[in-house]
Protein backbone atom coordinates (compact mmCIF):
# COMPACT_ATOMS: atom_id res chain seq x y z
CA MET A 1 -0.24 0.26 0.55
CA ILE A 2 1.62 3.38 -0.97
CA ARG A 3 0.32 6.33 1.48
CA CYS A 4 1.56 10.00 0.24
CA LEU A 5 2.67 12.68 2.56
CA CYS A 6 4.50 14.55 -0.15
CA VAL A 7 7.35 16.62 2.08
CA THR A 8 7.96 19.90 -0.74
CA LEU A 9 9.73 21.29 -0.32
CA GLY A 10 27.27 27.55 10.47
CA ALA A 11 29.96 30.19 10.49
CA ALA A 12 29.92 33.20 7.79
CA LEU A 13 31.94 31.81 4.84
CA LEU A 14 34.63 33.96 3.71
CA ALA A 15 34.54 35.26 -0.12
CA ALA A 16 38.38 35.21 -0.63
CA ALA A 17 37.81 31.13 -0.54
CA TYR A 18 36.68 31.62 -4.29
CA PRO A 19 38.32 34.28 -6.53
CA ASN A 20 37.55 37.63 -6.62
CA ALA A 21 35.15 38.69 -9.40
CA ALA A 22 36.70 41.79 -9.99
CA GLN A 23 40.05 41.01 -9.84
CA ALA A 24 39.73 37.90 -12.09
CA ALA A 25 41.27 37.68 -15.68
CA PRO A 26 38.90 36.39 -18.14
CA THR A 27 39.64 32.83 -19.07
CA PRO A 28 39.14 30.44 -22.13
CA ARG A 29 36.10 28.93 -22.90
CA ASP A 30 38.61 25.36 -23.56
CA TRP A 31 36.90 23.50 -20.97
CA LEU A 32 33.46 23.35 -22.47
CA GLU A 33 33.28 21.31 -25.92
CA PRO A 34 29.50 20.97 -27.72
CA CYS A 35 26.72 18.78 -26.30
CA ARG A 36 22.94 18.20 -26.53
CA LEU A 37 20.97 18.20 -23.27
CA ASN A 38 18.30 15.77 -22.97
CA GLN A 39 15.36 15.15 -20.79
CA SER A 40 12.91 12.84 -22.79
CA ALA A 41 11.34 11.54 -25.57
CA PHE A 42 8.88 14.31 -25.63
CA VAL A 43 11.48 16.97 -24.95
CA PRO A 44 13.52 18.26 -27.19
CA SER A 45 17.14 18.34 -27.13
CA VAL A 46 19.23 21.45 -27.39
CA SER A 47 22.28 21.99 -28.23
CA ALA A 48 24.91 23.60 -26.23
CA GLN A 49 28.57 24.21 -24.97
CA CYS A 50 29.25 21.47 -21.44
CA GLY A 51 31.63 21.23 -18.86
CA GLN A 52 32.46 20.88 -15.67
CA LEU A 53 34.45 22.73 -13.20
CA ASP A 54 35.68 21.78 -9.65
CA VAL A 55 34.76 24.18 -6.85
CA PRO A 56 35.96 23.86 -2.97
CA LEU A 57 33.58 21.71 -1.34
CA ASN A 58 34.23 24.04 1.84
CA PRO A 59 34.75 27.54 0.80
CA ASP A 60 36.82 28.19 3.88
CA GLU A 61 39.23 25.48 2.35
CA PRO A 62 39.81 26.19 -0.66
CA SER A 63 42.61 23.65 -1.23
CA GLY A 64 40.57 20.57 0.73
CA ALA A 65 38.66 18.32 -1.35
CA THR A 66 36.39 19.47 -4.31
CA LEU A 67 32.97 18.81 -5.99
CA THR A 68 31.90 19.31 -9.62
CA LEU A 69 29.58 21.52 -10.96
CA GLU A 70 27.46 20.63 -14.14
CA VAL A 71 27.38 23.55 -16.24
CA ALA A 72 25.55 24.14 -20.21
CA VAL A 73 25.80 27.28 -22.05
CA ILE A 74 23.29 27.96 -24.44
CA PRO A 75 24.08 29.78 -27.57
CA ALA A 76 22.76 33.57 -28.47
CA LEU A 77 20.84 32.75 -31.81
CA ASN A 78 22.40 36.56 -32.47
CA ILE A 79 26.02 35.76 -34.10
CA ASN A 80 26.59 39.12 -31.67
CA PRO A 81 25.52 38.46 -28.70
CA ALA A 82 25.14 40.97 -25.86
CA ALA A 83 27.78 40.49 -23.27
CA ASP A 84 25.68 39.93 -20.67
CA PRO A 85 24.16 36.49 -20.23
CA LEU A 86 21.39 34.98 -18.53
CA VAL A 87 21.98 33.13 -15.81
CA LEU A 88 19.08 30.83 -14.39
CA ILE A 89 18.51 29.52 -10.94
CA ALA A 90 15.70 26.55 -10.40
CA GLY A 91 13.46 26.22 -7.65
CA GLY A 92 12.77 23.53 -4.99
CA PRO A 93 15.18 23.34 -3.06
CA GLY A 94 16.46 20.68 -5.37
CA GLN A 95 15.49 20.48 -8.83
CA SER A 96 18.35 20.32 -11.54
CA THR A 97 18.41 23.78 -13.44
CA ILE A 98 19.78 22.14 -16.57
CA GLU A 99 16.11 19.97 -16.63
CA PHE A 100 14.02 23.29 -15.81
CA TYR A 101 15.29 24.57 -18.91
CA LEU A 102 14.84 22.45 -21.18
CA ALA A 103 11.22 21.82 -18.80
CA SER A 104 10.52 25.53 -19.83
CA GLN A 105 12.88 26.59 -23.04
CA ASN A 106 10.33 28.37 -24.54
CA ALA A 107 9.81 30.62 -21.90
CA PHE A 108 13.51 32.22 -22.41
CA ALA A 109 13.45 32.23 -26.37
CA ALA A 110 12.71 35.51 -26.57
CA VAL A 111 15.94 36.75 -24.41
CA ARG A 112 18.21 33.54 -26.48
CA LEU A 113 17.50 36.13 -29.46
CA GLU A 114 20.32 38.54 -28.06
CA ARG A 115 21.70 36.89 -25.14
CA GLU A 116 23.37 33.40 -24.20
CA ILE A 117 21.27 31.58 -21.51
CA ILE A 118 23.74 29.86 -18.21
CA LEU A 119 22.87 26.97 -16.45
CA VAL A 120 24.49 25.89 -13.77
CA ASP A 121 22.79 22.10 -11.67
CA GLN A 122 23.39 24.18 -7.99
CA ARG A 123 25.81 22.20 -5.90
CA GLY A 124 23.24 18.88 -4.51
CA THR A 125 21.53 18.83 -7.72
CA GLY A 126 21.37 16.98 -11.24
CA ARG A 127 24.76 16.38 -12.00
CA SER A 128 26.41 18.81 -9.46
CA ASN A 129 27.01 16.02 -7.18
CA PRO A 130 23.66 15.36 -6.16
CA LEU A 131 22.87 14.60 -2.73
CA VAL A 132 20.93 11.21 -3.55
CA CYS A 133 19.23 9.25 -0.73
CA ASP A 134 20.19 5.63 -0.73
CA THR A 135 17.01 4.06 0.20
CA GLY A 136 15.32 6.79 -2.99
CA ASN A 137 13.23 9.73 -2.67
CA ASP A 138 10.16 7.71 -2.54
CA GLU A 139 11.01 6.39 0.78
CA MET A 140 10.92 9.89 2.64
CA MET A 141 8.52 11.84 0.65
CA THR A 142 5.63 8.93 1.10
CA PRO A 143 5.48 7.15 4.62
CA GLU A 144 2.37 6.14 6.34
CA THR A 145 3.53 8.48 9.66
CA ILE A 146 5.64 11.49 10.83
CA ASP A 147 7.84 9.58 12.15
CA GLU A 148 8.60 7.73 9.33
CA VAL A 149 9.87 10.60 8.39
CA ALA A 150 12.31 11.23 10.46
CA ALA A 151 13.57 7.98 9.91
CA ALA A 152 13.33 7.94 6.19
CA ALA A 153 15.27 11.41 7.19
CA SER A 154 18.02 9.82 8.75
CA VAL A 155 18.74 7.15 6.71
CA CYS A 156 19.66 9.79 3.89
CA LEU A 157 21.88 11.59 6.00
CA ASP A 158 23.80 8.36 7.06
CA GLY A 159 23.73 7.58 3.38
CA LEU A 160 24.54 11.06 1.57
CA ASN A 161 28.14 11.20 -0.41
CA ALA A 162 29.26 14.58 0.80
CA ASP A 163 28.63 16.39 3.96
CA PRO A 164 25.21 18.88 3.62
CA ARG A 165 26.31 21.23 5.66
CA TYR A 166 28.00 22.77 2.55
CA PHE A 167 25.06 22.40 -0.04
CA THR A 168 23.66 26.08 1.15
CA THR A 169 22.04 29.26 -1.00
CA SER A 170 25.15 31.10 1.19
CA VAL A 171 27.80 28.59 -0.61
CA ALA A 172 25.65 27.84 -3.73
CA VAL A 173 26.34 31.72 -4.57
CA ARG A 174 29.74 31.62 -4.75
CA ASP A 175 29.44 28.24 -7.20
CA LEU A 176 27.72 30.85 -9.69
CA ASP A 177 30.29 33.80 -9.48
CA ALA A 178 32.95 30.66 -9.97
CA VAL A 179 31.11 30.23 -13.57
CA ARG A 180 30.94 33.55 -14.10
CA THR A 181 34.72 34.09 -13.69
CA ALA A 182 35.86 30.73 -15.56
CA LEU A 183 33.20 31.84 -18.70
CA GLY A 184 35.20 35.32 -18.49
CA VAL A 185 31.66 37.04 -18.31
CA GLN A 186 32.40 40.56 -16.41
CA ALA A 187 28.61 41.02 -15.68
CA VAL A 188 25.50 38.83 -15.59
CA ASN A 189 21.55 38.99 -15.63
CA VAL A 190 19.89 36.52 -13.61
CA TYR A 191 16.41 34.62 -13.94
CA GLY A 192 15.15 33.12 -10.43
CA VAL A 193 11.73 31.31 -10.49
CA SER A 194 10.75 29.89 -6.64
CA TYR A 195 13.26 28.95 -4.10
CA GLY A 196 15.85 30.05 -7.27
CA THR A 197 14.62 34.00 -6.04
CA ARG A 198 16.36 33.30 -3.03
CA VAL A 199 19.68 32.40 -4.48
CA ALA A 200 19.51 35.22 -7.02
CA GLN A 201 18.91 37.84 -4.39
CA HIS A 202 21.73 36.60 -2.48
CA PHE A 203 23.75 36.94 -5.55
CA MET A 204 22.92 40.57 -5.68
CA ARG A 205 24.16 40.58 -2.43
CA ARG A 206 27.41 39.29 -2.36
CA PHE A 207 27.68 39.96 -5.94
CA PRO A 208 26.48 43.52 -6.57
CA ASP A 209 29.08 44.53 -9.51
CA SER A 210 28.79 41.27 -11.07
CA THR A 211 24.85 41.42 -11.65
CA ARG A 212 23.07 43.45 -14.10
CA ARG A 213 19.83 42.93 -13.90
CA VAL A 214 17.36 40.44 -12.07
CA ILE A 215 14.07 38.75 -12.67
CA LEU A 216 12.13 37.41 -9.66
CA ASP A 217 9.17 34.67 -10.51
CA GLY A 218 7.30 33.95 -7.58
CA VAL A 219 9.62 35.17 -4.96
CA VAL A 220 10.71 34.45 -1.87
CA HIS A 221 12.17 37.23 -0.04
CA PRO A 222 14.99 36.92 2.67
CA GLU A 223 13.66 36.80 5.90
CA LEU A 224 10.65 34.53 4.71
CA VAL A 225 10.40 31.41 6.46
CA LEU A 226 9.68 28.83 3.95
CA GLY A 227 7.21 25.93 5.56
CA PRO A 228 4.81 27.50 7.68
CA GLY A 229 2.75 29.75 5.46
CA ILE A 230 2.44 27.18 2.84
CA ALA A 231 -0.92 25.46 4.40
CA ILE A 232 -2.06 28.93 4.58
CA ASP A 233 -1.44 30.25 1.36
CA ALA A 234 -2.53 26.68 -0.06
CA GLN A 235 -5.34 27.39 1.28
CA ARG A 236 -5.84 30.80 0.15
CA ALA A 237 -5.59 29.55 -3.31
CA LEU A 238 -7.84 27.11 -3.63
CA SER A 239 -10.69 28.89 -1.87
CA ASN A 240 -10.15 31.38 -4.34
CA LEU A 241 -10.06 29.07 -7.31
CA PHE A 242 -13.71 28.10 -5.68
CA ALA A 243 -14.85 31.44 -5.63
CA ARG A 244 -13.45 31.83 -9.45
CA CYS A 245 -15.90 28.48 -9.92
CA SER A 246 -18.66 30.22 -8.03
CA ALA A 247 -18.55 33.39 -9.87
CA ASP A 248 -18.85 31.03 -13.11
CA SER A 249 -22.35 30.20 -14.57
CA ALA A 250 -20.71 27.09 -16.64
CA CYS A 251 -18.45 26.09 -13.66
CA ALA A 252 -21.66 27.13 -10.29
CA GLU A 253 -24.06 25.21 -12.00
CA ARG A 254 -22.34 22.25 -13.11
CA TYR A 255 -20.41 21.84 -9.31
CA GLY A 256 -22.94 23.57 -6.67
CA ASP A 257 -21.10 24.64 -3.44
CA LEU A 258 -17.59 23.38 -4.18
CA THR A 259 -16.37 24.87 -0.51
CA ASN A 260 -18.64 22.99 1.39
CA ARG A 261 -18.31 19.69 -1.20
CA PHE A 262 -14.53 19.51 -0.75
CA ALA A 263 -14.48 19.60 3.40
CA SER A 264 -17.02 16.93 3.18
CA LEU A 265 -14.77 14.87 1.03
CA LEU A 266 -11.43 15.75 2.94
CA GLU A 267 -13.57 14.85 6.25
CA THR A 268 -15.02 11.34 4.46
CA LEU A 269 -11.18 10.30 3.48
CA GLN A 270 -9.79 11.74 6.84
CA ALA A 271 -11.98 9.39 8.58
CA ALA A 272 -11.92 6.44 6.08
CA PRO A 273 -9.19 6.22 3.18
CA VAL A 274 -9.79 4.41 0.55
CA ALA A 275 -7.94 1.59 -1.03
CA LEU A 276 -8.05 1.15 -4.76
CA SER A 277 -6.37 -0.32 -7.28
CA LEU A 278 -5.06 1.45 -9.87
CA ALA A 279 -3.51 1.72 -13.52
CA ASP A 280 0.27 3.73 -13.24
CA PRO A 281 -0.55 6.84 -15.27
CA VAL A 282 2.71 6.55 -17.22
CA THR A 283 3.48 3.10 -16.68
CA GLY A 284 0.27 1.32 -17.16
CA GLU A 285 1.08 -1.11 -14.07
CA GLN A 286 -1.60 -2.22 -11.60
CA ARG A 287 -1.06 -0.41 -8.20
CA GLU A 288 -2.20 -1.42 -4.92
CA PHE A 289 -3.02 2.60 -3.49
CA VAL A 290 -4.46 4.26 -0.51
CA LEU A 291 -6.32 7.58 -1.38
CA GLY A 292 -6.80 9.81 2.06
CA ASP A 293 -6.93 13.29 3.29
CA ASP A 294 -3.17 13.49 2.87
CA GLU A 295 -3.20 12.51 -0.73
CA LEU A 296 -6.01 14.66 -0.90
CA GLY A 297 -3.74 17.83 0.34
CA ALA A 298 -1.06 16.80 -1.54
CA ALA A 299 -2.94 16.85 -4.94
CA MET A 300 -5.22 19.71 -4.42
CA ARG A 301 -1.95 21.57 -3.27
CA LEU A 302 0.43 21.06 -6.37
CA LEU A 303 -2.58 21.00 -8.86
CA SER A 304 -3.10 24.58 -8.01
CA TYR A 305 0.31 25.70 -9.44
CA SER A 306 -0.51 26.03 -12.53
CA PRO A 307 -4.03 27.17 -14.40
CA LEU A 308 -3.90 24.68 -16.77
CA THR A 309 -4.06 21.52 -14.01
CA SER A 310 -6.35 23.68 -11.13
CA ALA A 311 -8.87 24.01 -14.74
CA LEU A 312 -9.53 20.35 -13.09
CA LEU A 313 -9.68 20.78 -9.90
CA PRO A 314 -13.67 20.92 -9.78
CA LEU A 315 -14.08 17.88 -11.95
CA LEU A 316 -12.02 15.50 -9.89
CA ILE A 317 -13.46 16.40 -6.86
CA ASP A 318 -17.21 15.98 -7.94
CA GLU A 319 -15.58 12.90 -9.35
CA ALA A 320 -14.45 11.81 -5.82
CA ALA A 321 -17.27 13.33 -3.78
CA ASN A 322 -19.91 11.10 -6.09
CA GLY A 323 -17.75 8.07 -5.38
CA ASN A 324 -15.42 7.68 -8.54
CA TYR A 325 -11.95 7.92 -7.20
CA GLN A 326 -9.90 7.00 -9.57
CA PRO A 327 -9.10 10.37 -11.74
CA LEU A 328 -8.49 11.70 -8.39
CA ALA A 329 -5.80 8.79 -7.27
CA ALA A 330 -4.35 8.97 -11.19
CA GLN A 331 -3.19 12.54 -10.48
CA VAL A 332 -2.06 11.86 -6.80
CA ALA A 333 0.36 9.51 -8.49
CA MET A 334 1.23 11.83 -11.27
CA VAL A 335 2.38 14.32 -8.53
CA GLU A 336 4.15 11.49 -6.34
CA ARG A 337 5.89 10.76 -10.03
CA ASP A 338 6.78 14.15 -10.88
CA LEU A 339 8.33 14.87 -7.42
CA SER A 340 10.14 11.91 -6.28
CA GLY A 341 12.00 12.55 -10.32
CA MET A 342 12.19 16.29 -9.72
CA LEU A 343 13.73 16.88 -6.56
CA ASN A 344 17.31 16.10 -4.91
CA LEU A 345 15.42 15.59 -1.11
CA GLY A 346 19.40 15.75 0.21
CA MET A 347 19.75 18.92 -1.10
CA HIS A 348 16.48 20.57 -0.69
CA ASN A 349 16.84 19.18 3.37
CA ALA A 350 19.83 20.76 3.81
CA VAL A 351 19.14 24.00 2.75
CA VAL A 352 15.53 23.55 4.72
CA CYS A 353 16.97 22.85 8.03
CA THR A 354 19.82 26.00 7.67
CA GLU A 355 17.69 28.78 6.45
CA ASP A 356 13.87 28.22 7.46
CA MET A 357 13.35 25.52 9.84
CA PRO A 358 15.82 26.79 12.58
CA PHE A 359 14.09 30.49 12.12
CA TYR A 360 10.40 28.95 12.96
CA GLU A 361 8.58 30.56 16.09
CA PRO A 362 5.54 29.12 16.14
CA ASP A 363 2.65 32.00 16.45
CA ALA A 364 -0.76 31.39 18.09
CA THR A 365 -2.66 33.33 15.03
CA GLU A 366 -0.38 31.45 12.40
CA ASP A 367 -1.11 27.53 14.23
CA ALA A 368 -4.98 28.20 14.37
CA ALA A 369 -5.28 29.45 10.43
CA ILE A 370 -2.83 26.40 9.48
CA ALA A 371 -5.14 23.83 11.47
CA LYS A 372 -8.06 25.03 9.85
CA SER A 373 -6.38 24.74 6.48
CA TYR A 374 -7.07 21.64 4.31
CA LEU A 375 -3.30 20.75 4.49
CA GLY A 376 -3.34 20.83 7.96
CA ARG A 377 0.35 20.56 9.92
CA LEU A 378 0.71 18.10 7.69
CA ASN A 379 4.01 19.98 5.68
CA ILE A 380 5.46 22.03 9.20
CA ASP A 381 5.20 18.88 11.08
CA SER A 382 6.81 16.92 8.72
CA LEU A 383 10.07 19.71 8.02
CA GLN A 384 10.81 20.03 11.69
CA ALA A 385 10.57 16.16 11.66
CA ILE A 386 13.22 16.09 9.36
CA CYS A 387 15.23 19.14 10.75
CA ASP A 388 15.62 17.53 14.08
CA VAL A 389 17.62 14.48 12.79
CA TRP A 390 19.09 16.73 9.99
CA PRO A 391 22.47 19.16 10.96
CA ALA A 392 22.24 22.93 9.92
CA GLY A 393 24.75 24.08 7.33
CA PHE A 394 26.65 27.43 6.56
CA ILE A 395 24.56 30.54 6.31
CA ASP A 396 25.96 33.76 5.63
CA ASP A 397 25.88 36.55 8.93
CA ASP A 398 23.87 38.67 6.60
CA PHE A 399 21.57 36.33 4.25
CA ARG A 400 17.86 36.75 6.09
CA GLU A 401 18.48 40.53 6.42
CA PRO A 402 16.60 42.55 4.08
CA LEU A 403 18.41 43.25 0.73
CA THR A 404 18.66 47.05 -0.23
CA SER A 405 19.87 47.23 -4.09
CA ASP A 406 19.71 49.59 -6.72
CA ILE A 407 20.45 46.76 -9.44
CA PRO A 408 17.27 47.24 -11.56
CA THR A 409 14.75 43.84 -10.77
CA LEU A 410 11.72 42.61 -12.03
CA LEU A 411 9.74 40.55 -10.07
CA LEU A 412 6.69 38.47 -11.73
CA SER A 413 3.75 36.88 -9.35
CA GLY A 414 0.67 34.90 -10.05
CA GLU A 415 -2.24 36.23 -8.66
CA ASN A 416 -3.36 33.05 -7.06
CA ASP A 417 0.04 31.55 -6.15
CA PRO A 418 -0.22 28.79 -4.02
CA VAL A 419 3.42 29.06 -2.68
CA THR A 420 4.50 32.41 -3.17
CA PRO A 421 1.47 35.06 -3.50
CA PRO A 422 2.47 38.33 -4.52
CA THR A 423 2.59 39.98 -1.04
CA TYR A 424 5.92 38.48 -0.72
CA ALA A 425 7.10 40.08 -3.81
CA ASP A 426 5.74 43.52 -2.72
CA VAL A 427 7.74 42.62 0.55
CA ALA A 428 11.00 42.43 -1.38
CA ALA A 429 10.08 45.32 -3.80
CA GLN A 430 10.33 47.19 -0.62
CA GLN A 431 14.11 47.09 -0.78
CA LEU A 432 14.70 47.15 -4.38
CA ARG A 433 14.62 50.89 -5.45
CA GLN A 434 14.68 49.92 -9.01
CA SER A 435 12.09 47.46 -9.60
CA GLN A 436 8.54 46.68 -11.03
CA HIS A 437 6.32 44.12 -9.86
CA ILE A 438 3.89 42.06 -12.77
CA VAL A 439 1.11 40.05 -11.42
CA GLY A 440 -0.80 37.47 -13.60
CA PRO A 441 -4.49 37.49 -13.38
CA ASP A 442 -5.49 34.15 -11.70
CA TYR A 443 -2.66 32.60 -12.76
CA GLY A 444 -0.63 30.24 -10.01
CA HIS A 445 3.08 29.53 -9.61
CA GLY A 446 5.63 30.99 -12.19
CA LEU A 447 4.98 33.47 -14.53
CA ALA A 448 7.60 33.25 -17.07
CA GLY A 449 6.24 31.11 -19.59
CA HIS A 450 2.81 32.45 -20.17
CA GLY A 451 1.91 34.85 -22.88
CA CYS A 452 3.52 38.08 -23.89
CA VAL A 453 5.91 36.93 -20.28
CA PRO A 454 8.31 36.32 -22.02
CA THR A 455 9.11 39.14 -24.25
CA LEU A 456 8.15 41.15 -21.34
CA MET A 457 11.66 39.61 -19.85
CA ALA A 458 13.57 39.81 -23.27
CA ALA A 459 12.91 43.47 -23.03
CA PHE A 460 13.85 43.96 -19.76
CA LEU A 461 17.19 42.74 -20.51
CA ASP A 462 17.53 44.33 -23.59
CA ASP A 463 16.62 48.13 -22.13
CA GLU A 464 19.38 50.27 -20.61
CA GLU A 465 16.33 52.92 -19.59
CA PRO A 466 14.65 52.91 -15.67
CA LEU A 467 11.80 50.70 -15.04
CA PRO A 468 9.18 50.53 -15.86
CA VAL A 469 8.71 48.65 -18.82
CA GLU A 470 4.98 48.68 -20.86
CA ALA A 471 3.35 45.60 -19.51
CA SER A 472 -0.58 46.18 -19.54
CA CYS A 473 -0.33 42.43 -22.15
CA VAL A 474 -0.09 41.08 -18.58
CA ASP A 475 -3.72 42.05 -17.84
CA LYS A 476 -5.00 40.22 -20.66
CA LEU A 477 -3.84 37.10 -20.12
CA ALA A 478 -6.55 34.55 -20.13
CA VAL A 479 -6.75 31.24 -17.91
CA MET A 480 -7.65 27.91 -18.90
CA PRO A 481 -11.68 27.55 -18.17
CA PHE A 482 -12.50 24.83 -15.64
CA PHE A 483 -13.21 21.61 -17.40
CA ILE A 484 -17.24 21.06 -17.28
CA ASP A 485 -16.56 17.21 -18.19
CA TYR A 486 -14.00 15.11 -19.32
CA ALA A 487 -14.46 16.95 -23.14
CA GLY A 488 -12.54 19.67 -21.24
CA PRO A 489 -14.52 23.66 -20.90
CA ALA A 490 -18.10 24.50 -21.92
CA ARG A 491 -18.53 24.94 -25.13
């Protein structure tokens, strides 16, 4: 039987441990060679220049043990590209930046017309010394109890191939600047999504002279403790989605009061999880599956990330409420598979247990809101259990301070983002003196690939003028209508 909890989500480091960006001379790129980047048969491969760069495991010991970073440079389509490439930083924490680019390359097609795109798998992810659990990700992400979360985290920790204390954001930004230096680039533009916005902002803090312009997509401001707000933000996003259905005549007529129907379904599955046999959506193999309130919550939260998948939620809830659990269970299975293959949980834990949970201070009002949410204390209790056994790593003294900067910064948010709502970007923007915040109406997590936003990002990077960029086109973004049946939206 499979149960799903689906957990997602030192001393100051010396800058002298890495080459000084202002003093280092550009070096040739003979460490790169032609390659093709491949993710799957369903995603087009990409021509690139690939190479590996050795960096210190511990920046305080530049002559000590090293690890190897996987680097790929996507060439610009212009034979005379701009001198300032775009560095991408993926989210998670724990996602490979190279895999992120392959899955979302269309979002950066307009940027690539004039600029190289630099991809660096952050240490602990992809091919950059991934922190892979010996037991595999599934054992930590799909246990039956919180106690098993801690046990799986302990097994994972014991089997890692490197000290996880050195796989934090404070170290990773030094890796990025080492890559910049090795590529002979004077200054870079930076795009970060989700957790990657935290990395991007800390790169701005540590290396302002090497940073030209920055795009933050789904913003995590420096003071934010990720984890406690997950349940609250997810509940807000789902409630907003139900309200949008109620305001849509076809959706409201078809599904009625989704708020109460969902609450009833959640209560039913909490009292008596449903066991069923399920054909795996990818392999077709039969699986024994248990669908309970935890599985329902995980599916609702992650399907809320995208307007494409959130359009399915009323139909899935309706089918399950009427006793047909197969469609919902299939989506849960897909969520499990996607998370298990997407995140390196060793690196994820190294970040969260250094940069978030040590700073978590329970609040009575917040705890009450968490308890009332459909996720309940699932995420926060799971993260606490992991971090009880996981060592805190290295973090810069100023890491959690508000970032004050004059670097031009474009902030992107989805109005109905279930994990990084626009209010987080508003907090970051208060100290970013040359910034513009663009919000996609009714959109979820990650705005870069939608509508006119790819063109806006390219215009922002091309423009030497002060902000704002002309962004009225974002107001015209249309979200996917709700599915009324399996054939799709109302016709």
